[in-house]
PDB file of N, CA and C in Angstrom:
ATOM      1  N   MET A   1     -65.751-103.284  26.482  1.00  0.00           N
ATOM      2  CA  MET A   1     -65.217-101.990  26.751  1.00  0.00           C
ATOM      3  C   MET A   1     -63.782-101.963  26.918  1.00  0.00           C
ATOM      4  N   LYS A   2     -63.178-103.062  27.518  1.00  0.00           N
ATOM      5  CA  LYS A   2     -61.764-103.195  27.577  1.00  0.00           C
ATOM      6  C   LYS A   2     -61.058-103.399  26.205  1.00  0.00           C
ATOM      7  N   ILE A   3     -61.692-104.072  25.368  1.00  0.00           N
ATOM      8  CA  ILE A   3     -61.183-104.366  24.042  1.00  0.00           C
ATOM      9  C   ILE A   3     -61.083-102.991  23.205  1.00  0.00           C
ATOM     10  N   LEU A   4     -62.120-102.168  23.397  1.00  0.00           N
ATOM     11  CA  LEU A   4     -62.146-100.842  22.719  1.00  0.00           C
ATOM     12  C   LEU A   4     -61.020-100.035  23.235  1.00  0.00           C
ATOM     13  N   PHE A   5     -60.789-100.016  24.534  1.00  0.00           N
ATOM     14  CA  PHE A   5     -59.791 -99.285  25.082  1.00  0.00           C
ATOM     15  C   PHE A   5     -58.384 -99.683  24.603  1.00  0.00           C
ATOM     16  N   ASN A   6     -58.158-101.073  24.511  1.00  0.00           N
ATOM     17  CA  ASN A   6     -56.981-101.563  24.015  1.00  0.00           C
ATOM     18  C   ASN A   6     -56.670-101.201  22.623  1.00  0.00           C
ATOM     19  N   ILE A   7     -57.664-101.217  21.738  1.00  0.00           N
ATOM     20  CA  ILE A   7     -57.526-100.932  20.387  1.00  0.00           C
ATOM     21  C   ILE A   7     -57.117 -99.404  20.283  1.00  0.00           C
ATOM     22  N   PHE A   8     -57.882 -98.531  21.070  1.00  0.00           N
ATOM     23  CA  PHE A   8     -57.511 -97.189  21.064  1.00  0.00           C
ATOM     24  C   PHE A   8     -56.113 -96.869  21.512  1.00  0.00           C
ATOM     25  N   LEU A   9     -55.658 -97.575  22.503  1.00  0.00           N
ATOM     26  CA  LEU A   9     -54.259 -97.396  23.009  1.00  0.00           C
ATOM     27  C   LEU A   9     -53.275 -97.814  21.975  1.00  0.00           C
ATOM     28  N   ILE A  10     -53.557 -98.881  21.375  1.00  0.00           N
ATOM     29  CA  ILE A  10     -52.562 -99.410  20.274  1.00  0.00           C
ATOM     30  C   ILE A  10     -52.476 -98.427  19.104  1.00  0.00           C
ATOM     31  N   VAL A  11     -53.632 -97.876  18.692  1.00  0.00           N
ATOM     32  CA  VAL A  11     -53.614 -96.912  17.615  1.00  0.00           C
ATOM     33  C   VAL A  11     -52.990 -95.642  18.057  1.00  0.00           C
ATOM     34  N   LEU A  12     -53.190 -95.189  19.276  1.00  0.00           N
ATOM     35  CA  LEU A  12     -52.453 -94.075  19.782  1.00  0.00           C
ATOM     36  C   LEU A  12     -50.937 -94.233  19.793  1.00  0.00           C
ATOM     37  N   LEU A  13     -50.514 -95.400  20.258  1.00  0.00           N
ATOM     38  CA  LEU A  13     -49.080 -95.706  20.266  1.00  0.00           C
ATOM     39  C   LEU A  13     -48.551 -95.819  18.853  1.00  0.00           C
ATOM     40  N   LEU A  14     -49.254 -96.382  17.934  1.00  0.00           N
ATOM     41  CA  LEU A  14     -48.708 -96.415  16.533  1.00  0.00           C
ATOM     42  C   LEU A  14     -48.590 -94.961  16.026  1.00  0.00           C
ATOM     43  N   ILE A  15     -49.578 -94.151  16.242  1.00  0.00           N
ATOM     44  CA  ILE A  15     -49.449 -92.743  15.767  1.00  0.00           C
ATOM     45  C   ILE A  15     -48.307 -91.931  16.493  1.00  0.00           C
ATOM     46  N   ALA A  16     -48.122 -92.313  17.775  1.00  0.00           N
ATOM     47  CA  ALA A  16     -46.984 -91.644  18.406  1.00  0.00           C
ATOM     48  C   ALA A  16     -45.594 -92.082  17.966  1.00  0.00           C
ATOM     49  N   PHE A  17     -45.480 -93.423  17.688  1.00  0.00           N
ATOM     50  CA  PHE A  17     -43.969 -93.934  17.615  1.00  0.00           C
ATOM     51  C   PHE A  17     -43.649 -94.476  16.222  1.00  0.00           C
ATOM     52  N   VAL A  18     -44.622 -94.555  15.229  1.00  0.00           N
ATOM     53  CA  VAL A  18     -44.352 -95.189  14.023  1.00  0.00           C
ATOM     54  C   VAL A  18     -44.528 -94.125  12.885  1.00  0.00           C
ATOM     55  N   PRO A  19     -43.565 -93.545  12.354  1.00  0.00           N
ATOM     56  CA  PRO A  19     -43.708 -92.439  11.386  1.00  0.00           C
ATOM     57  C   PRO A  19     -44.403 -92.953  10.068  1.00  0.00           C
ATOM     58  N   LEU A  20     -44.123 -94.211   9.664  1.00  0.00           N
ATOM     59  CA  LEU A  20     -44.751 -94.687   8.466  1.00  0.00           C
ATOM     60  C   LEU A  20     -46.348 -94.684   8.639  1.00  0.00           C
ATOM     61  N   PHE A  21     -46.804 -95.127   9.709  1.00  0.00           N
ATOM     62  CA  PHE A  21     -48.209 -95.209  10.050  1.00  0.00           C
ATOM     63  C   PHE A  21     -48.790 -93.809  10.160  1.00  0.00           C
ATOM     64  N   ARG A  22     -48.089 -92.880  10.737  1.00  0.00           N
ATOM     65  CA  ARG A  22     -48.382 -91.511  10.889  1.00  0.00           C
ATOM     66  C   ARG A  22     -48.642 -90.875   9.505  1.00  0.00           C
ATOM     67  N   ARG A  23     -47.642 -91.125   8.554  1.00  0.00           N
ATOM     68  CA  ARG A  23     -47.789 -90.516   7.233  1.00  0.00           C
ATOM     69  C   ARG A  23     -48.929 -91.125   6.538  1.00  0.00           C
ATOM     70  N   PHE A  24     -49.246 -92.384   6.660  1.00  0.00           N
ATOM     71  CA  PHE A  24     -50.289 -93.094   5.972  1.00  0.00           C
ATOM     72  C   PHE A  24     -51.686 -92.555   6.507  1.00  0.00           C
ATOM     73  N   LEU A  25     -51.736 -92.310   7.841  1.00  0.00           N
ATOM     74  CA  LEU A  25     -52.974 -91.780   8.368  1.00  0.00           C
ATOM     75  C   LEU A  25     -53.155 -90.369   7.867  1.00  0.00           C
ATOM     76  N   PHE A  26     -52.128 -89.569   7.867  1.00  0.00           N
ATOM     77  CA  PHE A  26     -52.295 -88.219   7.408  1.00  0.00           C
ATOM     78  C   PHE A  26     -52.664 -88.178   5.973  1.00  0.00           C
ATOM     79  N   HIS A  27     -52.108 -88.993   5.148  1.00  0.00           N
ATOM     80  CA  HIS A  27     -52.418 -89.071   3.781  1.00  0.00           C
ATOM     81  C   HIS A  27     -53.970 -89.439   3.583  1.00  0.00           C
ATOM     82  N   LEU A  28     -54.438 -90.343   4.461  1.00  0.00           N
ATOM     83  CA  LEU A  28     -55.898 -90.806   4.330  1.00  0.00           C
ATOM     84  C   LEU A  28     -56.824 -89.510   4.839  1.00  0.00           C
ATOM     85  N   LEU A  29     -56.352 -88.801   5.786  1.00  0.00           N
ATOM     86  CA  LEU A  29     -57.243 -87.737   6.271  1.00  0.00           C
ATOM     87  C   LEU A  29     -57.144 -86.436   5.485  1.00  0.00           C
ATOM     88  N   VAL A  30     -55.923 -85.992   5.240  1.00  0.00           N
ATOM     89  CA  VAL A  30     -55.727 -84.694   4.632  1.00  0.00           C
ATOM     90  C   VAL A  30     -55.113 -84.740   3.230  1.00  0.00           C
ATOM     91  N   GLY A  31     -54.152 -85.731   3.109  1.00  0.00           N
ATOM     92  CA  GLY A  31     -53.339 -85.678   1.834  1.00  0.00           C
ATOM     93  C   GLY A  31     -54.117 -85.685   0.502  1.00  0.00           C
ATOM     94  N   ARG A  32     -55.134 -86.374   0.457  1.00  0.00           N
ATOM     95  CA  ARG A  32     -55.832 -86.370  -0.909  1.00  0.00           C
ATOM     96  C   ARG A  32     -56.384 -85.029  -1.257  1.00  0.00           C
ATOM     97  N   GLN A  33     -56.997 -84.378  -0.258  1.00  0.00           N
ATOM     98  CA  GLN A  33     -57.657 -83.065  -0.463  1.00  0.00           C
ATOM     99  C   GLN A  33     -56.454 -82.027  -0.734  1.00  0.00           C
ATOM    100  N   LEU A  34     -55.350 -82.161  -0.143  1.00  0.00           N
ATOM    101  CA  LEU A  34     -54.230 -81.321  -0.300  1.00  0.00           C
ATOM    102  C   LEU A  34     -53.739 -81.427  -1.687  1.00  0.00           C
ATOM    103  N   VAL A  35     -53.591 -82.615  -2.227  1.00  0.00           N
ATOM    104  CA  VAL A  35     -53.100 -82.866  -3.621  1.00  0.00           C
ATOM    105  C   VAL A  35     -54.022 -82.276  -4.604  1.00  0.00           C
ATOM    106  N   LYS A  36     -55.329 -82.465  -4.393  1.00  0.00           N
ATOM    107  CA  LYS A  36     -56.409 -81.976  -5.277  1.00  0.00           C
ATOM    108  C   LYS A  36     -56.327 -80.418  -5.366  1.00  0.00           C
ATOM    109  N   GLU A  37     -56.254 -79.740  -4.191  1.00  0.00           N
ATOM    110  CA  GLU A  37     -56.045 -78.352  -4.214  1.00  0.00           C
ATOM    111  C   GLU A  37     -54.772 -77.860  -4.905  1.00  0.00           C
ATOM    112  N   GLN A  38     -53.614 -78.498  -4.737  1.00  0.00           N
ATOM    113  CA  GLN A  38     -52.421 -78.164  -5.350  1.00  0.00           C
ATOM    114  C   GLN A  38     -52.480 -78.286  -6.871  1.00  0.00           C
ATOM    115  N   LYS A  39     -53.222 -79.409  -7.339  1.00  0.00           N
ATOM    116  CA  LYS A  39     -53.406 -79.510  -8.806  1.00  0.00           C
ATOM    117  C   LYS A  39     -54.308 -78.425  -9.335  1.00  0.00           C
ATOM    118  N   LYS A  40     -55.429 -78.059  -8.613  1.00  0.00           N
ATOM    119  CA  LYS A  40     -56.277 -77.045  -9.022  1.00  0.00           C
ATOM    120  C   LYS A  40     -55.560 -75.638  -9.082  1.00  0.00           C
ATOM    121  N   GLN A  41     -54.768 -75.384  -8.076  1.00  0.00           N
ATOM    122  CA  GLN A  41     -53.984 -74.040  -8.148  1.00  0.00           C
ATOM    123  C   GLN A  41     -52.967 -74.097  -9.271  1.00  0.00           C
ATOM    124  N   TYR A  42     -52.347 -75.234  -9.545  1.00  0.00           N
ATOM    125  CA  TYR A  42     -51.328 -75.276 -10.615  1.00  0.00           C
ATOM    126  C   TYR A  42     -52.030 -75.036 -12.040  1.00  0.00           C
ATOM    127  N   GLN A  43     -53.189 -75.706 -12.190  1.00  0.00           N
ATOM    128  CA  GLN A  43     -53.934 -75.479 -13.387  1.00  0.00           C
ATOM    129  C   GLN A  43     -54.337 -74.036 -13.612  1.00  0.00           C
ATOM    130  N   ALA A  44     -54.804 -73.350 -12.504  1.00  0.00           N
ATOM    131  CA  ALA A  44     -55.187 -72.037 -12.560  1.00  0.00           C
ATOM    132  C   ALA A  44     -54.041 -71.034 -13.027  1.00  0.00           C
ATOM    133  N   TYR A  45     -52.884 -71.353 -12.293  1.00  0.00           N
ATOM    134  CA  TYR A  45     -51.641 -70.658 -12.654  1.00  0.00           C
ATOM    135  C   TYR A  45     -51.156 -70.847 -14.042  1.00  0.00           C
ATOM    136  N   SER A  46     -51.254 -72.128 -14.510  1.00  0.00           N
ATOM    137  CA  SER A  46     -50.935 -72.498 -15.911  1.00  0.00           C
ATOM    138  C   SER A  46     -51.665 -71.742 -16.939  1.00  0.00           C
ATOM    139  N   ASN A  47     -53.039 -71.700 -16.696  1.00  0.00           N
ATOM    140  CA  ASN A  47     -53.974 -71.124 -17.583  1.00  0.00           C
ATOM    141  C   ASN A  47     -53.777 -69.650 -17.589  1.00  0.00           C
ATOM    142  N   LYS A  48     -53.563 -69.023 -16.470  1.00  0.00           N
ATOM    143  CA  LYS A  48     -53.296 -67.552 -16.519  1.00  0.00           C
ATOM    144  C   LYS A  48     -52.030 -67.195 -17.128  1.00  0.00           C
ATOM    145  N   ARG A  49     -50.997 -67.959 -16.966  1.00  0.00           N
ATOM    146  CA  ARG A  49     -49.719 -67.604 -17.517  1.00  0.00           C
ATOM    147  C   ARG A  49     -49.744 -67.776 -19.049  1.00  0.00           C
ATOM    148  N   ASN A  50     -50.463 -68.829 -19.619  1.00  0.00           N
ATOM    149  CA  ASN A  50     -50.606 -69.004 -21.002  1.00  0.00           C
ATOM    150  C   ASN A  50     -51.362 -67.972 -21.729  1.00  0.00           C
ATOM    151  N   HIS A  51     -52.334 -67.329 -21.121  1.00  0.00           N
ATOM    152  CA  HIS A  51     -53.146 -66.287 -21.723  1.00  0.00           C
ATOM    153  C   HIS A  51     -52.536 -64.993 -21.733  1.00  0.00           C
ATOM    154  N   GLN A  52     -51.551 -64.749 -20.881  1.00  0.00           N
ATOM    155  CA  GLN A  52     -50.900 -63.425 -20.826  1.00  0.00           C
ATOM    156  C   GLN A  52     -49.822 -63.342 -21.858  1.00  0.00           C
ATOM    157  N   GLY A  53     -49.861 -62.225 -22.634  1.00  0.00           N
ATOM    158  CA  GLY A  53     -48.803 -62.030 -23.595  1.00  0.00           C
ATOM    159  C   GLY A  53     -47.708 -61.153 -23.167  1.00  0.00           C
ATOM    160  N   VAL A  54     -46.808 -60.910 -23.989  1.00  0.00           N
ATOM    161  CA  VAL A  54     -45.710 -60.071 -23.550  1.00  0.00           C
ATOM    162  C   VAL A  54     -46.067 -58.607 -23.684  1.00  0.00           C
ATOM    163  N   LYS A  55     -45.971 -57.839 -22.708  1.00  0.00           N
ATOM    164  CA  LYS A  55     -46.339 -56.474 -22.675  1.00  0.00           C
ATOM    165  C   LYS A  55     -45.070 -55.547 -22.692  1.00  0.00           C
ATOM    166  N   VAL A  56     -44.925 -54.695 -23.631  1.00  0.00           N
ATOM    167  CA  VAL A  56     -43.838 -53.818 -23.687  1.00  0.00           C
ATOM    168  C   VAL A  56     -44.282 -52.369 -23.593  1.00  0.00           C
ATOM    169  N   ASP A  57     -43.722 -51.641 -22.636  1.00  0.00           N
ATOM    170  CA  ASP A  57     -44.079 -50.215 -22.551  1.00  0.00           C
ATOM    171  C   ASP A  57     -42.949 -49.428 -23.301  1.00  0.00           C
ATOM    172  N   ASN A  58     -43.424 -48.692 -24.311  1.00  0.00           N
ATOM    173  CA  ASN A  58     -42.464 -47.876 -25.088  1.00  0.00           C
ATOM    174  C   ASN A  58     -42.036 -46.664 -24.341  1.00  0.00           C
ATOM    175  N   ALA A  59     -40.859 -46.178 -24.577  1.00  0.00           N
ATOM    176  CA  ALA A  59     -40.403 -44.933 -23.882  1.00  0.00           C
ATOM    177  C   ALA A  59     -41.121 -43.770 -24.498  1.00  0.00           C
ATOM    178  N   PRO A  60     -41.434 -42.715 -23.727  1.00  0.00           N
ATOM    179  CA  PRO A  60     -42.184 -41.628 -24.192  1.00  0.00           C
ATOM    180  C   PRO A  60     -41.308 -40.834 -25.234  1.00  0.00           C
ATOM    181  N   PRO A  61     -41.962 -40.146 -26.169  1.00  0.00           N
ATOM    182  CA  PRO A  61     -41.206 -39.332 -27.109  1.00  0.00           C
ATOM    183  C   PRO A  61     -40.294 -38.265 -26.347  1.00  0.00           C
ATOM    184  N   ASP A  62     -39.313 -37.773 -27.149  1.00  0.00           N
ATOM    185  CA  ASP A  62     -38.360 -36.801 -26.538  1.00  0.00           C
ATOM    186  C   ASP A  62     -39.062 -35.470 -26.045  1.00  0.00           C
ATOM    187  N   GLY A  63     -40.167 -35.117 -26.592  1.00  0.00           N
ATOM    188  CA  GLY A  63     -40.778 -33.836 -26.085  1.00  0.00           C
ATOM    189  C   GLY A  63     -41.240 -33.868 -24.702  1.00  0.00           C
ATOM    190  N   THR A  64     -41.522 -35.043 -24.143  1.00  0.00           N
ATOM    191  CA  THR A  64     -41.988 -35.068 -22.743  1.00  0.00           C
ATOM    192  C   THR A  64     -40.917 -35.398 -21.718  1.00  0.00           C
ATOM    193  N   GLN A  65     -39.587 -35.370 -22.166  1.00  0.00           N
ATOM    194  CA  GLN A  65     -38.569 -35.517 -21.256  1.00  0.00           C
ATOM    195  C   GLN A  65     -38.426 -34.262 -20.320  1.00  0.00           C
ATOM    196  N   SER A  66     -37.818 -34.429 -19.266  1.00  0.00           N
ATOM    197  CA  SER A  66     -37.613 -33.415 -18.306  1.00  0.00           C
ATOM    198  C   SER A  66     -36.521 -32.428 -18.914  1.00  0.00           C
ATOM    199  N   LYS A  67     -36.669 -31.138 -18.560  1.00  0.00           N
ATOM    200  CA  LYS A  67     -35.587 -30.316 -19.067  1.00  0.00           C
ATOM    201  C   LYS A  67     -34.513 -30.033 -18.088  1.00  0.00           C
ATOM    202  N   PHE A  68     -34.592 -30.838 -16.946  1.00  0.00           N
ATOM    203  CA  PHE A  68     -33.504 -30.723 -15.906  1.00  0.00           C
ATOM    204  C   PHE A  68     -32.253 -31.266 -16.389  1.00  0.00           C
ATOM    205  N   LYS A  69     -31.134 -30.479 -16.421  1.00  0.00           N
ATOM    206  CA  LYS A  69     -29.882 -30.963 -16.836  1.00  0.00           C
ATOM    207  C   LYS A  69     -28.924 -31.298 -15.812  1.00  0.00           C
ATOM    208  N   GLY A  70     -29.173 -30.987 -14.666  1.00  0.00           N
ATOM    209  CA  GLY A  70     -28.314 -31.257 -13.482  1.00  0.00           C
ATOM    210  C   GLY A  70     -28.308 -30.102 -12.459  1.00  0.00           C
ATOM    211  N   GLY A  71     -27.633 -30.224 -11.412  1.00  0.00           N
ATOM    212  CA  GLY A  71     -27.664 -29.232 -10.395  1.00  0.00           C
ATOM    213  C   GLY A  71     -26.290 -28.500 -10.320  1.00  0.00           C
ATOM    214  N   GLU A  72     -26.178 -27.639  -9.370  1.00  0.00           N
ATOM    215  CA  GLU A  72     -24.889 -26.991  -9.224  1.00  0.00           C
ATOM    216  C   GLU A  72     -24.013 -27.646  -8.171  1.00  0.00           C
ATOM    217  N   TYR A  73     -22.799 -27.448  -8.165  1.00  0.00           N
ATOM    218  CA  TYR A  73     -21.932 -28.163  -7.188  1.00  0.00           C
ATOM    219  C   TYR A  73     -21.985 -27.443  -5.817  1.00  0.00           C
ATOM    220  N   VAL A  74     -22.059 -28.286  -4.749  1.00  0.00           N
ATOM    221  CA  VAL A  74     -22.123 -27.742  -3.418  1.00  0.00           C
ATOM    222  C   VAL A  74     -20.951 -28.456  -2.610  1.00  0.00           C
ATOM    223  N   ASP A  75     -20.134 -27.602  -2.036  1.00  0.00           N
ATOM    224  CA  ASP A  75     -19.052 -27.992  -1.112  1.00  0.00           C
ATOM    225  C   ASP A  75     -19.612 -28.629   0.154  1.00  0.00           C
ATOM    226  N   TYR A  76     -18.936 -29.566   0.565  1.00  0.00           N
ATOM    227  CA  TYR A  76     -19.307 -30.188   1.891  1.00  0.00           C
ATOM    228  C   TYR A  76     -18.054 -30.633   2.657  1.00  0.00           C
ATOM    229  N   GLU A  77     -18.307 -30.679   4.028  1.00  0.00           N
ATOM    230  CA  GLU A  77     -17.173 -31.052   4.874  1.00  0.00           C
ATOM    231  C   GLU A  77     -17.574 -32.507   5.468  1.00  0.00           C
ATOM    232  N   GLU A  78     -16.640 -33.301   5.538  1.00  0.00           N
ATOM    233  CA  GLU A  78     -16.919 -34.668   6.069  1.00  0.00           C
ATOM    234  C   GLU A  78     -16.688 -34.558   7.565  1.00  0.00           C
ATOM    235  N   ILE A  79     -17.626 -34.942   8.353  1.00  0.00           N
ATOM    236  CA  ILE A  79     -17.529 -34.905   9.834  1.00  0.00           C
ATOM    237  C   ILE A  79     -17.310 -36.267  10.391  1.00  0.00           C
ATOM    238  N   LYS A  80     -16.312 -36.347  11.225  1.00  0.00           N
ATOM    239  CA  LYS A  80     -15.823 -37.704  11.835  1.00  0.00           C
ATOM    240  C   LYS A  80     -16.185 -37.727  13.284  1.00  0.00           C
TER     241      LYS A  80
END
């Protein structure tokens, strides 16, 4: 029992004070799955982007333009 406690304490101290060990442990537990998900998302984004073409909206013909030519001038006073 004491040996198990000592091993647990050593691992806990390594995690707390050794960044290299912490990074390695994180990579073992989470990193591989994270890299797989990133690759999957990148593939989906690449496929979506490659299948989309250039879309151009043409301007409407002149007949549908607004008949509004402007407004009338209105005096104003600046308040300070």
